Amino acid sequence: MRIWGLGLLILVLIFFGKQANAADFDRSQWDKRIALRGGVIRYNMSGDFSSNKDDRPNYNIDLGDLGLDDDGTTVFLNGSLRLGERWRLQLDYFGYHEDATKRSDFEFEFDDVLIPVGATVDSKFDIDLYVVNLSYDIYQTNRAQISLGLGAHVADLDLKIAGNLRSGDNTVPLGVGDESILAPLPNLFVAGTYALKENLILNCAGGWMSLSYGNYKGDLVFARGILEYWPFEHIGIGGGYIYTKADIDYDPNHMKENYDIKMPGPVAYLAVGF
């Protein structure tokens, strides 16, 4: 639904771009050759992790069951570079880093560590998403552009769980489990930009890819809508909404792991451009 809405919005941008008086706009004022953006995302995280090894039972862990906070704030970084008249390179980074302690109300096994009911569970989940996209403007006026591109999301995921069981006055460590993967996920990319004014720019982008290669199988969906305001020639502010969903399978024959993660949330940032 979000991707259909993004496509509709891009069509609206094309319509207004054709209707606008392009002579009234100086494209160089809003289409910065180099732009750096830094700010925060207030995400609403949800997801689960499952694993199946040849010599142990399957298990599935919902991140909420571990007490991991589904609402939080993380750093957002972006850099864009216009290569010539129509080619563009864009880099993004954001992540999720949370830890929690909770008493287990069900029994489960994680990375050969058996966690019984009533055990104290210390968990830590780290996600780092690195994004690179190279795009080409297939449509361009002095106040609008539509771009198509190809890129990749590199997802670095690491889940650690440590268990402790209290027996009388003693605490018995149950062990530490650690599961991690580094998954590069290629994606198709489409973006639309419309300058409402020379210093007020609406930008929408999104993409999707479903691909199997090597030990990886993944589905990736991402979308964002951003409004940028440049009160000064080289300094601007921006805000909007970002949605990312990654469903990643890692299957090196002797085991199979799955991460199914959703990270939607509003974003706000400061921009510097030249």
Protein backbone atom coordinates (compact mmCIF):
# COMPACT_ATOMS: atom_id res chain seq x y z
CA MET A 1 0.00 0.00 0.00
CA ARG A 2 2.81 2.40 0.84
CA ILE A 3 4.55 1.70 -2.49
CA TRP A 4 1.34 2.32 -4.47
CA GLY A 5 0.92 5.61 -2.61
CA LEU A 6 4.50 6.54 -3.44
CA GLY A 7 3.94 5.81 -7.13
CA LEU A 8 0.82 7.97 -7.15
CA LEU A 9 2.69 10.83 -5.50
CA ILE A 10 5.47 10.63 -8.10
CA LEU A 11 2.86 10.85 -10.88
CA VAL A 12 1.50 13.97 -9.20
CA LEU A 13 5.01 15.43 -9.18
CA ILE A 14 5.31 14.79 -12.92
CA PHE A 15 1.97 16.53 -13.55
CA PHE A 16 2.88 19.62 -11.55
CA GLY A 17 6.33 19.68 -13.11
CA LYS A 18 4.75 19.91 -16.55
CA GLN A 19 2.26 22.56 -15.49
CA ALA A 20 4.81 24.80 -13.74
CA ASN A 21 6.43 27.84 -15.32
CA ALA A 22 10.01 26.52 -15.37
CA ALA A 23 11.42 29.92 -16.32
CA ASP A 24 10.55 31.21 -12.83
CA PHE A 25 12.92 28.73 -11.17
CA ASP A 26 16.69 28.55 -10.88
CA ARG A 27 17.35 24.81 -10.67
CA SER A 28 20.82 25.28 -9.17
CA GLN A 29 19.23 26.80 -6.04
CA TRP A 30 17.41 23.59 -5.02
CA ASP A 31 19.36 20.85 -6.84
CA LYS A 32 22.56 20.87 -4.76
CA ARG A 33 25.57 19.16 -6.31
CA ILE A 34 26.77 17.97 -2.89
CA ALA A 35 24.50 17.64 0.16
CA LEU A 36 25.18 16.17 3.61
CA ARG A 37 22.35 15.43 6.05
CA GLY A 38 22.44 14.36 9.68
CA GLY A 39 19.64 13.91 12.18
CA VAL A 40 17.52 11.37 14.03
CA ILE A 41 14.80 8.80 13.29
CA ARG A 42 12.13 8.06 15.89
CA TYR A 43 11.38 4.46 14.93
CA ASN A 44 8.70 1.95 15.88
CA MET A 45 10.53 -1.36 15.67
CA SER A 46 8.92 -4.79 15.30
CA GLY A 47 10.18 -8.16 14.17
CA ASP A 48 11.18 -11.68 15.03
CA PHE A 49 14.09 -14.07 14.64
CA SER A 50 13.97 -17.80 13.94
CA SER A 51 16.66 -20.44 13.59
CA ASN A 52 16.84 -24.09 12.60
CA LYS A 53 20.01 -26.14 12.93
CA ASP A 54 20.34 -29.79 11.98
CA ASP A 55 20.96 -30.95 15.55
CA ARG A 56 18.44 -28.88 17.51
CA PRO A 57 14.73 -27.95 17.54
CA ASN A 58 13.42 -24.96 15.60
CA TYR A 59 12.73 -21.80 17.57
CA ASN A 60 11.17 -18.42 16.89
CA ILE A 61 11.71 -15.37 19.07
CA ASP A 62 9.62 -12.22 18.91
CA LEU A 63 11.75 -9.23 19.85
CA GLY A 64 8.97 -7.97 22.12
CA ASP A 65 9.17 -11.19 24.14
CA LEU A 66 12.75 -10.29 25.05
CA GLY A 67 11.70 -6.90 26.40
CA LEU A 68 13.51 -5.02 23.65
CA ASP A 69 12.10 -1.50 23.29
CA ASP A 70 10.09 -1.11 20.09
CA ASP A 71 10.20 2.70 20.28
CA GLY A 72 13.49 4.55 20.21
CA THR A 73 15.67 7.12 18.50
CA THR A 74 18.62 6.47 16.23
CA VAL A 75 21.06 8.48 14.14
CA PHE A 76 20.25 9.17 10.47
CA LEU A 77 23.05 10.09 8.03
CA ASN A 78 22.79 10.83 4.31
CA GLY A 79 25.10 12.09 1.59
CA SER A 80 24.22 12.82 -2.04
CA LEU A 81 26.43 13.72 -4.99
CA ARG A 82 25.25 14.81 -8.44
CA LEU A 83 27.51 13.23 -11.06
CA GLY A 84 27.14 15.35 -14.19
CA GLU A 85 23.74 16.54 -15.39
CA ARG A 86 21.54 13.51 -14.61
CA TRP A 87 23.50 10.87 -12.64
CA ARG A 88 23.32 10.84 -8.82
CA LEU A 89 24.97 8.85 -6.04
CA GLN A 90 23.30 8.62 -2.65
CA LEU A 91 24.49 7.06 0.63
CA ASP A 92 22.42 6.46 3.78
CA TYR A 93 22.98 5.02 7.23
CA PHE A 94 20.72 4.30 10.19
CA GLY A 95 20.48 1.59 12.79
CA TYR A 96 18.82 0.06 15.82
CA HIS A 97 20.76 -0.64 19.03
CA GLU A 98 18.86 -1.81 22.09
CA ASP A 99 19.38 -4.06 25.10
CA ALA A 100 17.01 -5.36 27.73
CA THR A 101 16.73 -7.59 30.79
CA LYS A 102 13.60 -9.65 31.37
CA ARG A 103 12.49 -12.77 33.20
CA SER A 104 11.51 -15.45 30.70
CA ASP A 105 7.90 -16.63 30.81
CA PHE A 106 8.48 -19.46 28.33
CA GLU A 107 11.25 -21.97 27.58
CA PHE A 108 13.34 -21.61 24.44
CA GLU A 109 16.76 -22.49 23.04
CA PHE A 110 19.02 -19.90 21.42
CA ASP A 111 22.36 -20.79 19.80
CA ASP A 112 22.64 -23.98 21.91
CA VAL A 113 21.77 -22.12 25.14
CA LEU A 114 18.62 -23.46 26.82
CA ILE A 115 16.60 -20.74 28.59
CA PRO A 116 14.04 -22.22 31.05
CA VAL A 117 10.93 -20.50 32.37
CA GLY A 118 11.84 -18.05 35.14
CA ALA A 119 15.42 -17.45 33.99
CA THR A 120 16.74 -13.90 33.73
CA VAL A 121 17.43 -13.06 30.08
CA ASP A 122 19.85 -10.30 29.04
CA SER A 123 19.46 -9.54 25.35
CA LYS A 124 21.11 -7.12 22.94
CA PHE A 125 20.03 -6.55 19.32
CA ASP A 126 22.05 -4.43 16.89
CA ILE A 127 21.02 -3.54 13.35
CA ASP A 128 23.10 -1.33 11.07
CA LEU A 129 21.75 -0.50 7.61
CA TYR A 130 24.10 0.92 4.99
CA VAL A 131 22.48 2.06 1.74
CA VAL A 132 23.99 3.05 -1.61
CA ASN A 133 22.00 4.02 -4.71
CA LEU A 134 23.09 5.18 -8.16
CA SER A 135 20.27 6.78 -10.15
CA TYR A 136 19.61 8.54 -13.46
CA ASP A 137 17.09 11.35 -14.07
CA ILE A 138 14.74 10.07 -16.76
CA TYR A 139 12.62 13.24 -16.49
CA GLN A 140 13.87 16.71 -15.61
CA THR A 141 12.63 20.30 -15.59
CA ASN A 142 13.79 23.38 -13.67
CA ARG A 143 11.56 22.42 -10.73
CA ALA A 144 10.98 18.66 -10.98
CA GLN A 145 12.79 15.41 -11.66
CA ILE A 146 12.07 11.67 -11.75
CA SER A 147 14.94 9.23 -11.19
CA LEU A 148 15.42 5.49 -11.61
CA GLY A 149 18.32 3.61 -10.12
CA LEU A 150 19.92 0.49 -8.75
CA GLY A 151 21.53 0.08 -5.37
CA ALA A 152 21.99 -2.06 -2.30
CA HIS A 153 21.07 -2.21 1.37
CA VAL A 154 23.74 -3.91 3.48
CA ALA A 155 22.11 -5.21 6.68
CA ASP A 156 24.42 -6.04 9.60
CA LEU A 157 22.35 -7.85 12.25
CA ASP A 158 23.56 -9.23 15.58
CA LEU A 159 21.42 -10.76 18.35
CA LYS A 160 23.01 -11.77 21.67
CA ILE A 161 21.17 -13.51 24.53
CA ALA A 162 22.60 -14.43 27.93
CA GLY A 163 20.68 -16.43 30.51
CA ASN A 164 21.04 -16.65 34.28
CA LEU A 165 19.07 -18.82 36.70
CA ARG A 166 18.77 -17.93 40.37
CA SER A 167 18.99 -20.87 42.78
CA GLY A 168 18.61 -19.80 46.39
CA ASP A 169 21.25 -17.15 47.00
CA ASN A 170 23.29 -18.24 43.98
CA THR A 171 23.11 -17.18 40.35
CA VAL A 172 23.89 -19.89 37.80
CA PRO A 173 25.01 -18.67 34.35
CA LEU A 174 23.35 -20.60 31.53
CA GLY A 175 25.63 -19.36 28.76
CA VAL A 176 25.67 -16.72 26.03
CA GLY A 177 24.22 -17.18 22.56
CA ASP A 178 25.19 -15.01 19.60
CA GLU A 179 23.67 -15.10 16.10
CA SER A 180 24.71 -12.60 13.43
CA ILE A 181 24.64 -12.13 9.67
CA LEU A 182 25.91 -9.55 7.19
CA ALA A 183 23.49 -9.49 4.25
CA PRO A 184 23.85 -7.37 1.10
CA LEU A 185 20.40 -6.86 -0.47
CA PRO A 186 20.27 -5.30 -3.97
CA ASN A 187 17.30 -3.04 -4.72
CA LEU A 188 15.56 -1.16 -7.50
CA PHE A 189 15.14 2.54 -6.78
CA VAL A 190 12.69 5.24 -7.94
CA ALA A 191 12.57 8.83 -6.72
CA GLY A 192 10.60 12.00 -7.48
CA THR A 193 11.52 15.57 -6.52
CA TYR A 194 9.40 18.70 -6.85
CA ALA A 195 10.44 22.24 -5.87
CA LEU A 196 7.41 23.94 -4.32
CA LYS A 197 9.66 27.00 -4.07
CA GLU A 198 13.34 27.39 -4.83
CA ASN A 199 14.07 26.75 -1.14
CA LEU A 200 11.22 24.31 -0.36
CA ILE A 201 11.59 20.84 -1.88
CA LEU A 202 9.41 17.73 -1.68
CA ASN A 203 11.27 14.45 -2.19
CA CYS A 204 9.76 10.97 -2.35
CA ALA A 205 11.63 7.74 -2.96
CA GLY A 206 11.18 4.02 -2.63
CA GLY A 207 12.19 0.65 -3.87
CA TRP A 208 11.73 -3.08 -3.72
CA MET A 209 13.67 -6.23 -4.46
CA SER A 210 13.14 -9.94 -3.95
CA LEU A 211 16.23 -11.97 -4.72
CA SER A 212 17.97 -15.25 -3.99
CA TYR A 213 21.73 -15.62 -4.35
CA GLY A 214 24.36 -17.73 -2.61
CA ASN A 215 23.28 -18.47 0.96
CA TYR A 216 20.87 -15.51 1.06
CA LYS A 217 17.23 -15.08 0.19
CA GLY A 218 15.60 -11.76 0.92
CA ASP A 219 12.73 -9.37 0.39
CA LEU A 220 13.32 -5.66 0.90
CA VAL A 221 10.82 -2.80 0.78
CA PHE A 222 11.66 0.81 1.60
CA ALA A 223 9.95 4.18 1.11
CA ARG A 224 10.38 7.74 2.31
CA GLY A 225 8.68 11.11 1.97
CA ILE A 226 10.73 14.19 2.88
CA LEU A 227 10.10 17.95 2.89
CA GLU A 228 13.25 20.10 2.88
CA TYR A 229 13.48 23.83 3.59
CA TRP A 230 16.63 25.87 2.88
CA PRO A 231 16.37 29.21 4.75
CA PHE A 232 20.00 29.90 3.83
CA GLU A 233 21.88 29.15 0.62
CA HIS A 234 24.01 26.39 2.08
CA ILE A 235 22.05 25.32 5.20
CA GLY A 236 18.69 23.57 5.31
CA ILE A 237 16.43 21.48 7.51
CA GLY A 238 14.28 18.51 6.61
CA GLY A 239 11.66 16.19 8.00
CA GLY A 240 9.40 13.38 6.91
CA TYR A 241 8.77 9.66 7.25
CA ILE A 242 10.85 6.57 6.45
CA TYR A 243 9.64 2.96 6.20
CA THR A 244 11.95 -0.05 5.89
CA LYS A 245 11.06 -3.76 5.89
CA ALA A 246 13.60 -6.55 5.49
CA ASP A 247 12.82 -10.27 5.48
CA ILE A 248 16.17 -12.09 5.24
CA ASP A 249 16.90 -15.84 5.13
CA TYR A 250 20.45 -17.11 5.64
CA ASP A 251 20.83 -20.79 4.72
CA PRO A 252 24.42 -22.21 4.60
CA ASN A 253 23.11 -25.82 4.36
CA HIS A 254 23.66 -26.91 8.00
CA MET A 255 21.34 -24.23 9.40
CA LYS A 256 18.71 -21.66 8.45
CA GLU A 257 18.17 -18.27 10.08
CA ASN A 258 15.46 -15.73 9.40
CA TYR A 259 15.22 -12.07 10.37
CA ASP A 260 11.89 -10.35 9.68
CA ILE A 261 12.23 -6.69 10.64
CA LYS A 262 10.07 -3.57 10.21
CA MET A 263 11.42 -0.09 11.05
CA PRO A 264 8.97 2.75 10.28
CA GLY A 265 9.26 6.20 11.80
CA PRO A 266 9.52 9.99 11.39
CA VAL A 267 12.88 11.61 10.61
CA ALA A 268 14.25 15.14 11.20
CA TYR A 269 17.67 16.45 10.18
CA LEU A 270 19.99 19.35 9.39
CA ALA A 271 21.40 19.65 5.86
CA VAL A 272 24.45 21.34 4.35
CA GLY A 273 24.66 21.73 0.57
CA PHE A 274 26.80 23.28 -2.13
